[in-house]
Amino acid sequence: MNYKNISRRLVLKQLASMSAIGAMGSLRSLSLYAEERN
């Protein structure tokens, strides 16, 4: 087990969770925007 591999995996996990949170936020804002338009 390399420390490099472990840190890279942790960074990828953090990036994935951040992008997932960002996608959820953008979807929420888009739905709010659509509700305001209607």
PDB file of N, CA and C in Angstrom:
ATOM      1  N   MET A   1       0.849  -1.207   0.000  1.00  0.00           N
ATOM      2  CA  MET A   1       0.000   0.000   0.000  1.00  0.00           C
ATOM      3  C   MET A   1       0.884   1.256   0.000  1.00  0.00           C
ATOM      4  N   ASN A   2       0.724   2.039  -1.013  1.00  0.00           N
ATOM      5  CA  ASN A   2       1.478   3.295  -1.126  1.00  0.00           C
ATOM      6  C   ASN A   2       0.711   4.436  -0.474  1.00  0.00           C
ATOM      7  N   TYR A   3       1.449   5.361   0.105  1.00  0.00           N
ATOM      8  CA  TYR A   3       0.789   6.568   0.610  1.00  0.00           C
ATOM      9  C   TYR A   3       0.274   7.404  -0.553  1.00  0.00           C
ATOM     10  N   LYS A   4       1.004   7.369  -1.674  1.00  0.00           N
ATOM     11  CA  LYS A   4       0.562   8.136  -2.845  1.00  0.00           C
ATOM     12  C   LYS A   4      -0.785   7.627  -3.337  1.00  0.00           C
ATOM     13  N   ASN A   5      -0.900   6.297  -3.451  1.00  0.00           N
ATOM     14  CA  ASN A   5      -2.166   5.730  -3.926  1.00  0.00           C
ATOM     15  C   ASN A   5      -3.303   6.060  -2.971  1.00  0.00           C
ATOM     16  N   ILE A   6      -3.043   5.977  -1.671  1.00  0.00           N
ATOM     17  CA  ILE A   6      -4.091   6.265  -0.683  1.00  0.00           C
ATOM     18  C   ILE A   6      -4.522   7.724  -0.795  1.00  0.00           C
ATOM     19  N   SER A   7      -3.556   8.640  -0.868  1.00  0.00           N
ATOM     20  CA  SER A   7      -3.908  10.062  -0.936  1.00  0.00           C
ATOM     21  C   SER A   7      -4.648  10.362  -2.241  1.00  0.00           C
ATOM     22  N   ARG A   8      -4.219   9.734  -3.329  1.00  0.00           N
ATOM     23  CA  ARG A   8      -4.894   9.974  -4.609  1.00  0.00           C
ATOM     24  C   ARG A   8      -6.335   9.500  -4.541  1.00  0.00           C
ATOM     25  N   ARG A   9      -6.534   8.318  -3.909  1.00  0.00           N
ATOM     26  CA  ARG A   9      -7.898   7.792  -3.782  1.00  0.00           C
ATOM     27  C   ARG A   9      -8.761   8.724  -2.938  1.00  0.00           C
ATOM     28  N   LEU A  10      -8.177   9.256  -1.850  1.00  0.00           N
ATOM     29  CA  LEU A  10      -8.937  10.174  -0.993  1.00  0.00           C
ATOM     30  C   LEU A  10      -9.288  11.438  -1.765  1.00  0.00           C
ATOM     31  N   VAL A  11      -8.333  11.951  -2.533  1.00  0.00           N
ATOM     32  CA  VAL A  11      -8.609  13.166  -3.313  1.00  0.00           C
ATOM     33  C   VAL A  11      -9.715  12.905  -4.316  1.00  0.00           C
ATOM     34  N   LEU A  12      -9.675  11.742  -4.981  1.00  0.00           N
ATOM     35  CA  LEU A  12     -10.722  11.420  -5.953  1.00  0.00           C
ATOM     36  C   LEU A  12     -12.081  11.313  -5.269  1.00  0.00           C
ATOM     37  N   LYS A  13     -12.085  10.713  -4.064  1.00  0.00           N
ATOM     38  CA  LYS A  13     -13.356  10.615  -3.321  1.00  0.00           C
ATOM     39  C   LYS A  13     -13.879  12.008  -2.996  1.00  0.00           C
ATOM     40  N   GLN A  14     -12.993  12.889  -2.539  1.00  0.00           N
ATOM     41  CA  GLN A  14     -13.425  14.250  -2.196  1.00  0.00           C
ATOM     42  C   GLN A  14     -13.956  14.963  -3.430  1.00  0.00           C
ATOM     43  N   LEU A  15     -13.246  14.822  -4.562  1.00  0.00           N
ATOM     44  CA  LEU A  15     -13.697  15.480  -5.781  1.00  0.00           C
ATOM     45  C   LEU A  15     -15.052  14.934  -6.213  1.00  0.00           C
ATOM     46  N   ALA A  16     -15.241  13.636  -6.101  1.00  0.00           N
ATOM     47  CA  ALA A  16     -16.516  13.034  -6.508  1.00  0.00           C
ATOM     48  C   ALA A  16     -17.648  13.544  -5.630  1.00  0.00           C
ATOM     49  N   SER A  17     -17.410  13.607  -4.314  1.00  0.00           N
ATOM     50  CA  SER A  17     -18.466  14.079  -3.414  1.00  0.00           C
ATOM     51  C   SER A  17     -18.748  15.556  -3.669  1.00  0.00           C
ATOM     52  N   MET A  18     -17.697  16.346  -3.934  1.00  0.00           N
ATOM     53  CA  MET A  18     -17.898  17.771  -4.206  1.00  0.00           C
ATOM     54  C   MET A  18     -18.689  17.957  -5.496  1.00  0.00           C
ATOM     55  N   SER A  19     -18.357  17.200  -6.544  1.00  0.00           N
ATOM     56  CA  SER A  19     -19.077  17.343  -7.806  1.00  0.00           C
ATOM     57  C   SER A  19     -20.519  16.875  -7.653  1.00  0.00           C
ATOM     58  N   ALA A  20     -20.736  15.828  -6.845  1.00  0.00           N
ATOM     59  CA  ALA A  20     -22.105  15.357  -6.618  1.00  0.00           C
ATOM     60  C   ALA A  20     -22.911  16.434  -5.896  1.00  0.00           C
ATOM     61  N   ILE A  21     -22.294  17.061  -4.880  1.00  0.00           N
ATOM     62  CA  ILE A  21     -22.994  18.123  -4.151  1.00  0.00           C
ATOM     63  C   ILE A  21     -23.271  19.301  -5.095  1.00  0.00           C
ATOM     64  N   GLY A  22     -22.306  19.620  -5.941  1.00  0.00           N
ATOM     65  CA  GLY A  22     -22.493  20.716  -6.893  1.00  0.00           C
ATOM     66  C   GLY A  22     -23.616  20.404  -7.876  1.00  0.00           C
ATOM     67  N   ALA A  23     -23.678  19.146  -8.340  1.00  0.00           N
ATOM     68  CA  ALA A  23     -24.736  18.763  -9.274  1.00  0.00           C
ATOM     69  C   ALA A  23     -26.098  18.853  -8.592  1.00  0.00           C
ATOM     70  N   MET A  24     -26.170  18.393  -7.331  1.00  0.00           N
ATOM     71  CA  MET A  24     -27.442  18.474  -6.605  1.00  0.00           C
ATOM     72  C   MET A  24     -27.849  19.933  -6.432  1.00  0.00           C
ATOM     73  N   GLY A  25     -26.895  20.791  -6.114  1.00  0.00           N
ATOM     74  CA  GLY A  25     -27.209  22.208  -5.930  1.00  0.00           C
ATOM     75  C   GLY A  25     -27.688  22.845  -7.219  1.00  0.00           C
ATOM     76  N   SER A  26     -27.039  22.526  -8.346  1.00  0.00           N
ATOM     77  CA  SER A  26     -27.444  23.123  -9.612  1.00  0.00           C
ATOM     78  C   SER A  26     -28.821  22.616 -10.025  1.00  0.00           C
ATOM     79  N   LEU A  27     -29.095  21.327  -9.767  1.00  0.00           N
ATOM     80  CA  LEU A  27     -30.420  20.796 -10.081  1.00  0.00           C
ATOM     81  C   LEU A  27     -31.478  21.498  -9.246  1.00  0.00           C
ATOM     82  N   ARG A  28     -31.170  21.722  -7.971  1.00  0.00           N
ATOM     83  CA  ARG A  28     -32.137  22.378  -7.084  1.00  0.00           C
ATOM     84  C   ARG A  28     -32.396  23.801  -7.566  1.00  0.00           C
ATOM     85  N   SER A  29     -31.329  24.521  -7.922  1.00  0.00           N
ATOM     86  CA  SER A  29     -31.515  25.901  -8.374  1.00  0.00           C
ATOM     87  C   SER A  29     -32.273  25.923  -9.702  1.00  0.00           C
ATOM     88  N   LEU A  30     -32.015  24.949 -10.571  1.00  0.00           N
ATOM     89  CA  LEU A  30     -32.740  24.892 -11.835  1.00  0.00           C
ATOM     90  C   LEU A  30     -34.229  24.636 -11.597  1.00  0.00           C
ATOM     91  N   SER A  31     -34.564  23.739 -10.669  1.00  0.00           N
ATOM     92  CA  SER A  31     -35.977  23.458 -10.386  1.00  0.00           C
ATOM     93  C   SER A  31     -36.643  24.683  -9.768  1.00  0.00           C
ATOM     94  N   LEU A  32     -35.924  25.393  -8.887  1.00  0.00           N
ATOM     95  CA  LEU A  32     -36.481  26.617  -8.308  1.00  0.00           C
ATOM     96  C   LEU A  32     -36.708  27.650  -9.409  1.00  0.00           C
ATOM     97  N   TYR A  33     -35.758  27.763 -10.333  1.00  0.00           N
ATOM     98  CA  TYR A  33     -35.887  28.714 -11.436  1.00  0.00           C
ATOM     99  C   TYR A  33     -37.092  28.364 -12.301  1.00  0.00           C
ATOM    100  N   ALA A  34     -37.282  27.055 -12.567  1.00  0.00           N
ATOM    101  CA  ALA A  34     -38.418  26.625 -13.390  1.00  0.00           C
ATOM    102  C   ALA A  34     -39.735  26.925 -12.673  1.00  0.00           C
ATOM    103  N   GLU A  35     -39.766  26.725 -11.355  1.00  0.00           N
ATOM    104  CA  GLU A  35     -40.996  27.009 -10.613  1.00  0.00           C
ATOM    105  C   GLU A  35     -41.312  28.502 -10.669  1.00  0.00           C
ATOM    106  N   GLU A  36     -40.274  29.356 -10.593  1.00  0.00           N
ATOM    107  CA  GLU A  36     -40.520  30.798 -10.650  1.00  0.00           C
ATOM    108  C   GLU A  36     -41.034  31.209 -12.025  1.00  0.00           C
ATOM    109  N   ARG A  37     -40.536  30.547 -13.073  1.00  0.00           N
ATOM    110  CA  ARG A  37     -40.953  30.913 -14.425  1.00  0.00           C
ATOM    111  C   ARG A  37     -42.422  30.571 -14.658  1.00  0.00           C
ATOM    112  N   ASN A  38     -42.897  29.467 -14.112  1.00  0.00           N
ATOM    113  CA  ASN A  38     -44.270  29.012 -14.375  1.00  0.00           C
ATOM    114  C   ASN A  38     -45.305  29.843 -13.632  1.00  0.00           C
TER     115      ASN A  38
END
